[in-house]
Protein backbone atom coordinates (compact mmCIF):
# COMPACT_ATOMS: atom_id res chain seq x y z
CA MET A 1 0.00 0.00 0.00
CA LYS A 2 2.81 2.39 0.94
CA GLY A 3 4.59 1.61 -2.36
CA ASN A 4 1.40 2.31 -4.34
CA LEU A 5 1.03 5.70 -2.64
CA LEU A 6 4.63 6.61 -3.52
CA LEU A 7 4.08 5.50 -7.12
CA ILE A 8 0.95 7.66 -7.36
CA CYS A 9 2.94 10.65 -6.02
CA LEU A 10 5.60 10.01 -8.66
CA LEU A 11 3.03 9.96 -11.45
CA VAL A 12 1.50 13.22 -10.17
CA LEU A 13 4.96 14.84 -10.23
CA ILE A 14 5.56 13.68 -13.81
CA VAL A 15 2.15 14.88 -15.03
CA ALA A 16 2.62 18.18 -13.19
CA SER A 17 5.92 18.78 -14.98
CA SER A 18 4.25 18.88 -18.40
CA GLY A 19 1.78 21.26 -20.04
CA SER A 20 0.69 24.54 -18.52
CA PHE A 21 1.84 23.63 -14.99
CA ALA A 22 5.41 23.33 -16.30
CA GLN A 23 5.21 26.97 -17.49
CA LEU A 24 4.24 28.00 -13.96
CA THR A 25 7.16 26.13 -12.43
CA LEU A 26 9.56 27.79 -14.86
CA SER A 27 8.54 31.16 -13.47
CA LEU A 28 9.40 29.90 -9.97
CA GLY A 29 12.85 28.71 -11.03
CA ASN A 30 14.36 25.63 -12.60
CA ALA A 31 16.81 22.87 -11.89
CA ASN A 32 19.63 24.50 -13.90
CA LEU A 33 20.98 21.09 -14.93
CA HIS A 34 24.36 21.40 -16.66
CA PRO A 35 27.48 19.33 -17.31
CA GLY A 36 29.57 19.07 -14.17
CA LYS A 37 26.69 19.72 -11.74
CA VAL A 38 27.36 17.54 -8.67
CA GLY A 39 24.84 16.46 -6.04
CA LEU A 40 25.30 14.54 -2.80
CA GLY A 41 22.26 12.90 -1.27
CA ILE A 42 20.54 9.89 0.25
CA ASP A 43 17.77 7.53 -0.78
CA GLY A 44 15.63 5.34 1.39
CA ILE A 45 15.34 8.15 3.92
CA ALA A 46 13.69 5.68 6.33
CA GLY A 47 15.55 2.48 7.16
CA SER A 48 19.16 2.11 6.01
CA PRO A 49 19.76 4.85 3.44
CA ASN A 50 22.26 4.79 0.61
CA LEU A 51 24.67 7.64 -0.03
CA LEU A 52 24.29 9.02 -3.57
CA LEU A 53 26.81 10.97 -5.63
CA LYS A 54 25.23 12.30 -8.83
CA VAL A 55 27.24 13.99 -11.60
CA PHE A 56 25.64 15.49 -14.71
CA LEU A 57 27.46 14.51 -17.90
CA SER A 58 25.25 16.80 -20.05
CA ASN A 59 22.15 18.97 -19.48
CA GLN A 60 19.99 15.83 -19.30
CA VAL A 61 22.25 12.81 -18.64
CA ALA A 62 23.65 12.02 -15.20
CA GLY A 63 25.72 9.22 -13.73
CA GLN A 64 25.27 8.24 -10.10
CA VAL A 65 27.35 6.25 -7.61
CA ILE A 66 25.41 4.43 -4.86
CA LEU A 67 27.01 3.32 -1.55
CA GLY A 68 25.30 1.82 1.50
CA LEU A 69 26.18 0.13 4.79
CA SER A 70 24.15 -1.48 7.57
CA VAL A 71 25.54 -3.02 10.77
CA ASP A 72 23.55 -5.11 13.26
CA SER A 73 25.27 -6.32 16.41
CA PRO A 74 23.31 -8.79 18.58
CA GLY A 75 23.36 -8.14 22.31
CA GLY A 76 24.73 -10.51 24.91
CA SER A 77 27.27 -13.27 24.71
CA ALA A 78 27.16 -16.36 22.57
CA PRO A 79 26.07 -19.55 24.36
CA SER A 80 28.67 -22.29 24.69
CA GLY A 81 29.49 -23.82 21.30
CA TYR A 82 27.92 -20.94 19.35
CA THR A 83 29.56 -18.11 17.45
CA LYS A 84 28.30 -14.54 17.75
CA VAL A 85 28.07 -12.93 14.30
CA THR A 86 27.71 -9.21 13.72
CA GLY A 87 25.39 -8.61 10.78
CA THR A 88 26.63 -6.47 7.94
CA GLU A 89 25.25 -5.36 4.61
CA LEU A 90 27.39 -3.53 2.07
CA ARG A 91 25.90 -2.05 -1.11
CA GLY A 92 27.56 -0.46 -4.11
CA GLY A 93 26.16 0.45 -7.50
CA LEU A 94 25.90 2.72 -10.50
CA SER A 95 23.01 4.46 -12.27
CA LEU A 96 22.74 6.18 -15.63
CA LEU A 97 19.80 8.61 -15.66
CA TYR A 98 18.16 10.72 -18.39
CA HIS A 99 16.28 13.81 -17.15
CA ILE A 100 13.30 14.47 -19.41
CA THR A 101 13.00 18.16 -18.48
CA ASN A 102 15.18 20.84 -16.91
CA ASP A 103 12.31 22.34 -14.88
CA GLN A 104 11.60 22.71 -11.19
CA VAL A 105 10.01 19.24 -11.40
CA SER A 106 12.45 17.10 -13.36
CA PRO A 107 11.29 13.54 -14.18
CA TYR A 108 13.89 11.00 -15.26
CA ILE A 109 14.29 7.46 -16.55
CA GLY A 110 17.35 5.25 -16.46
CA VAL A 111 19.06 2.01 -15.52
CA GLU A 112 20.64 0.96 -12.24
CA GLY A 113 22.77 -1.89 -10.97
CA VAL A 114 23.58 -2.56 -7.30
CA TYR A 115 25.78 -5.32 -5.87
CA GLN A 116 25.21 -6.18 -2.22
CA THR A 117 26.69 -8.61 0.26
CA ARG A 118 24.81 -9.41 3.47
CA LYS A 119 25.56 -11.47 6.56
CA ASP A 120 22.72 -11.86 9.08
CA ALA A 121 23.43 -11.16 12.75
CA GLY A 122 22.87 -13.85 15.34
CA PHE A 123 24.29 -16.80 17.22
CA TYR A 124 25.25 -19.78 15.05
CA LEU A 125 26.68 -23.28 15.51
CA VAL A 126 28.27 -22.86 12.06
CA GLU A 127 28.89 -19.30 10.87
CA PRO A 128 26.98 -18.70 7.60
CA ASP A 129 28.62 -17.39 4.45
CA ALA A 130 27.64 -13.93 3.27
CA LYS A 131 24.71 -13.78 0.88
CA ASN A 132 25.63 -11.89 -2.32
CA SER A 133 23.18 -10.48 -4.82
CA LEU A 134 23.03 -8.30 -7.91
CA ILE A 135 19.99 -6.07 -8.40
CA VAL A 136 19.53 -4.66 -11.91
CA GLY A 137 16.57 -2.64 -13.09
CA ALA A 138 14.91 0.21 -14.93
CA VAL A 139 14.42 3.43 -12.96
CA LEU A 140 11.56 5.93 -13.14
CA GLY A 141 11.76 8.96 -10.89
CA ALA A 142 11.44 12.69 -10.43
CA GLU A 143 13.21 15.41 -8.49
CA TYR A 144 11.46 18.51 -7.18
CA PHE A 145 13.94 21.36 -6.89
CA ILE A 146 12.84 23.39 -3.87
CA ILE A 147 15.71 25.72 -4.72
CA GLU A 148 18.41 25.29 -7.37
CA ARG A 149 20.73 23.51 -4.92
CA PHE A 150 18.29 21.27 -3.02
CA SER A 151 15.85 18.66 -4.29
CA LEU A 152 13.45 16.10 -2.90
CA GLY A 153 12.40 13.22 -5.06
CA ILE A 154 10.98 9.79 -5.53
CA LYS A 155 12.52 6.85 -7.36
CA HIS A 156 10.85 3.61 -8.44
CA THR A 157 12.95 0.67 -9.66
CA LEU A 158 11.62 -2.33 -11.55
CA GLY A 159 14.00 -5.20 -12.28
CA VAL A 160 15.52 -8.48 -11.14
CA ASP A 161 17.34 -9.55 -7.98
CA VAL A 162 19.89 -12.31 -8.65
CA GLU A 163 20.84 -13.93 -5.33
CA LEU A 164 24.06 -15.86 -5.89
CA LYS A 165 24.66 -19.36 -4.50
CA ARG A 166 26.49 -19.92 -1.22
CA ASP A 167 27.85 -22.97 0.59
CA VAL A 168 26.82 -22.41 4.25
CA PRO A 169 23.90 -22.81 4.39
CA LYS A 170 23.71 -24.52 1.01
CA GLU A 171 21.68 -22.32 -1.37
CA GLU A 172 21.52 -22.18 -5.15
CA THR A 173 21.27 -19.04 -7.27
CA ASP A 174 17.78 -17.53 -7.19
CA ILE A 175 16.37 -14.96 -9.59
CA ARG A 176 13.41 -12.86 -8.47
CA PHE A 177 11.35 -10.03 -9.92
CA ALA A 178 12.02 -6.98 -7.72
CA THR A 179 10.55 -3.50 -7.26
CA SER A 180 11.38 -0.70 -4.86
CA THR A 181 10.17 2.83 -4.26
CA LEU A 182 12.39 5.24 -2.34
CA MET A 183 12.27 8.88 -1.33
CA THR A 184 15.42 10.89 -2.10
CA GLY A 185 16.98 14.08 -0.83
CA ARG A 186 19.91 15.76 -2.54
CA PHE A 187 22.10 18.88 -2.16
CA TYR A 188 23.82 20.23 -5.30
CA PHE A 189 27.15 22.03 -4.96
CA ASN A 190 27.13 23.99 -8.25
């Protein structure tokens, strides 16, 4: 339900950026997208956010580096014969995004790939191997530039999650259809 609400908000932003409403937003200011424009931000504002570094390669095309980290340390000591494992999740990825307009509301489309490795926290008789996955998908999103240097946005990704095999516990490679909707916040330096 929450994802559907975010998707509806995204569609409203895209529709609002076209037609006569777009002319109104131009009078309020625009995104001023240009080659070399650099933004630092986060996505997934709730939960474990990713750090985003976005660089515009042209007035409409941007590349983005995605980095994320989560750490979960269980409390207490491990019972006799068990190993205490601190949970970690590392994420790294790249996006290539095409901004459809250079207005105050700037919708975009693109592709994204994220590699992540995750080890669950807990107490284990045999310590599990990390679970590695590759998430690749198409991106549909929009940024609302409150001012030229600060934007809030929404990003929806539709793709596949390839969970790679591991030995402990024994698991084979799984491929799943995956979607995600995230809120974004970004500060632009120039």
